Protein backbone atom coordinates (compact mmCIF):
# COMPACT_ATOMS: atom_id res chain seq x y z
CA MET A 1 16.49 -69.76 -59.29
CA LYS A 2 14.50 -67.89 -57.13
CA ALA A 3 15.63 -65.37 -54.65
CA THR A 4 14.23 -62.71 -51.58
CA ILE A 5 16.46 -60.01 -51.17
CA TRP A 6 15.34 -57.70 -48.06
CA HIS A 7 16.88 -54.93 -49.59
CA ASN A 8 17.66 -50.87 -48.86
CA PRO A 9 18.10 -49.11 -52.28
CA ARG A 10 20.03 -46.70 -50.19
CA CYS A 11 22.63 -49.04 -49.39
CA SER A 12 25.87 -49.66 -51.71
CA LYS A 13 26.33 -53.23 -50.29
CA SER A 14 22.50 -53.83 -50.93
CA ARG A 15 22.56 -52.69 -54.78
CA GLN A 16 25.85 -54.65 -55.45
CA ALA A 17 24.28 -57.75 -54.26
CA LEU A 18 21.20 -57.00 -56.16
CA ALA A 19 22.77 -56.93 -59.16
CA LEU A 20 24.99 -59.93 -58.47
CA LEU A 21 21.50 -61.71 -58.41
CA GLU A 22 20.18 -60.33 -61.30
CA GLU A 23 23.49 -61.24 -63.79
CA ALA A 24 23.35 -64.81 -62.02
CA GLY A 25 19.92 -64.98 -64.08
CA ALA A 26 18.14 -65.13 -60.69
CA SER A 27 14.35 -64.65 -60.51
CA VAL A 28 14.40 -61.77 -57.37
CA THR A 29 11.80 -60.56 -55.16
CA VAL A 30 12.87 -57.29 -53.38
CA VAL A 31 11.97 -56.67 -50.39
CA GLU A 32 12.45 -53.36 -49.40
CA TYR A 33 12.72 -53.89 -45.71
CA LEU A 34 12.21 -50.52 -44.12
CA LYS A 35 8.95 -50.00 -45.89
CA ALA A 36 7.77 -53.60 -45.74
CA PRO A 37 9.69 -54.86 -42.14
CA PRO A 38 9.85 -58.77 -41.84
CA THR A 39 8.19 -60.15 -38.85
CA ARG A 40 10.04 -60.91 -35.71
CA ASP A 41 9.14 -65.01 -36.80
CA GLU A 42 10.45 -64.39 -39.74
CA LEU A 43 13.48 -62.85 -39.08
CA ALA A 44 13.98 -66.25 -36.63
CA ARG A 45 13.24 -68.64 -39.58
CA LEU A 46 15.62 -66.90 -41.84
CA TYR A 47 18.43 -66.79 -39.54
CA ALA A 48 18.12 -70.19 -38.06
CA ARG A 49 17.98 -71.25 -41.57
CA GLY A 50 21.44 -69.38 -42.34
CA GLY A 51 22.82 -70.13 -39.52
CA ILE A 52 23.06 -66.86 -38.33
CA ALA A 53 22.78 -65.38 -34.66
CA PRO A 54 20.76 -62.97 -34.46
CA ARG A 55 23.03 -60.72 -32.30
CA ASP A 56 24.98 -60.99 -35.22
CA ALA A 57 22.46 -59.02 -37.80
CA LEU A 58 22.13 -56.18 -36.26
CA ARG A 59 23.65 -53.09 -37.60
CA LYS A 60 26.95 -52.02 -36.24
CA ASP A 61 25.42 -48.90 -34.76
CA ALA A 62 22.42 -50.53 -33.06
CA PRO A 63 22.16 -50.16 -29.38
CA ALA A 64 23.43 -52.99 -27.44
CA VAL A 65 21.66 -56.49 -27.01
CA ASP A 66 22.00 -59.18 -23.95
CA SER A 67 20.44 -61.63 -26.25
CA ASP A 68 19.19 -63.33 -29.85
CA ALA A 69 15.72 -62.40 -27.99
CA ALA A 70 16.41 -59.17 -27.79
CA ALA A 71 17.89 -58.78 -30.85
CA LEU A 72 14.73 -60.16 -32.69
CA ASP A 73 12.27 -57.68 -30.46
CA LEU A 74 14.85 -54.98 -31.26
CA MET A 75 14.86 -55.70 -35.42
CA ALA A 76 11.13 -56.12 -35.26
CA SER A 77 10.34 -52.76 -33.76
CA ASP A 78 12.87 -51.11 -35.47
CA PRO A 79 13.71 -52.16 -38.96
CA ALA A 80 16.60 -49.56 -39.47
CA THR A 81 18.87 -51.82 -37.24
CA ILE A 82 19.21 -55.20 -39.15
CA GLU A 83 22.14 -55.63 -41.18
CA ARG A 84 21.72 -55.87 -45.03
CA PRO A 85 21.38 -56.90 -47.78
CA LEU A 86 19.79 -59.90 -46.54
CA VAL A 87 18.77 -62.90 -48.99
CA GLU A 88 17.23 -65.83 -49.41
CA THR A 89 17.52 -68.92 -52.06
CA GLU A 90 16.83 -72.46 -52.35
CA LYS A 91 20.14 -72.72 -51.12
CA GLY A 92 19.88 -71.03 -47.95
CA VAL A 93 20.39 -67.93 -46.51
CA VAL A 94 23.01 -65.08 -46.22
CA LEU A 95 23.71 -62.04 -44.60
CA ALA A 96 25.42 -60.65 -48.31
CA ARG A 97 28.16 -58.22 -46.57
CA PRO A 98 30.31 -58.49 -48.66
CA PRO A 99 27.56 -58.84 -51.38
CA GLU A 100 30.62 -62.04 -52.78
CA ARG A 101 29.01 -64.18 -49.85
CA LEU A 102 25.95 -64.53 -52.02
CA ARG A 103 27.81 -67.36 -53.90
CA ASP A 104 27.47 -69.66 -51.68
CA ILE A 105 23.99 -69.43 -52.64
CA LEU A 106 23.62 -69.25 -56.04
């Protein structure tokens, strides 16, 4: 199985999610999203595929926004506002917080 994780190595939940993927035997592509941020279009695609409202994918300490479009604009301009980790496999996309949510797409 192939998986992509948008990862922050400083985040314990992100590290736990990566470990779960590796334990499951996934071939993992790790994207350190603070160094290589996803585009607005890529974020929109991922959230749509996962059935995740972009406003629900903002970190709790991110500035308040009034629409999903504004959330995508904010995340694209400031990737530190993206809640992590975001994981995609052939089965779907989840915001793996808590990391156990990965089981839904393994």
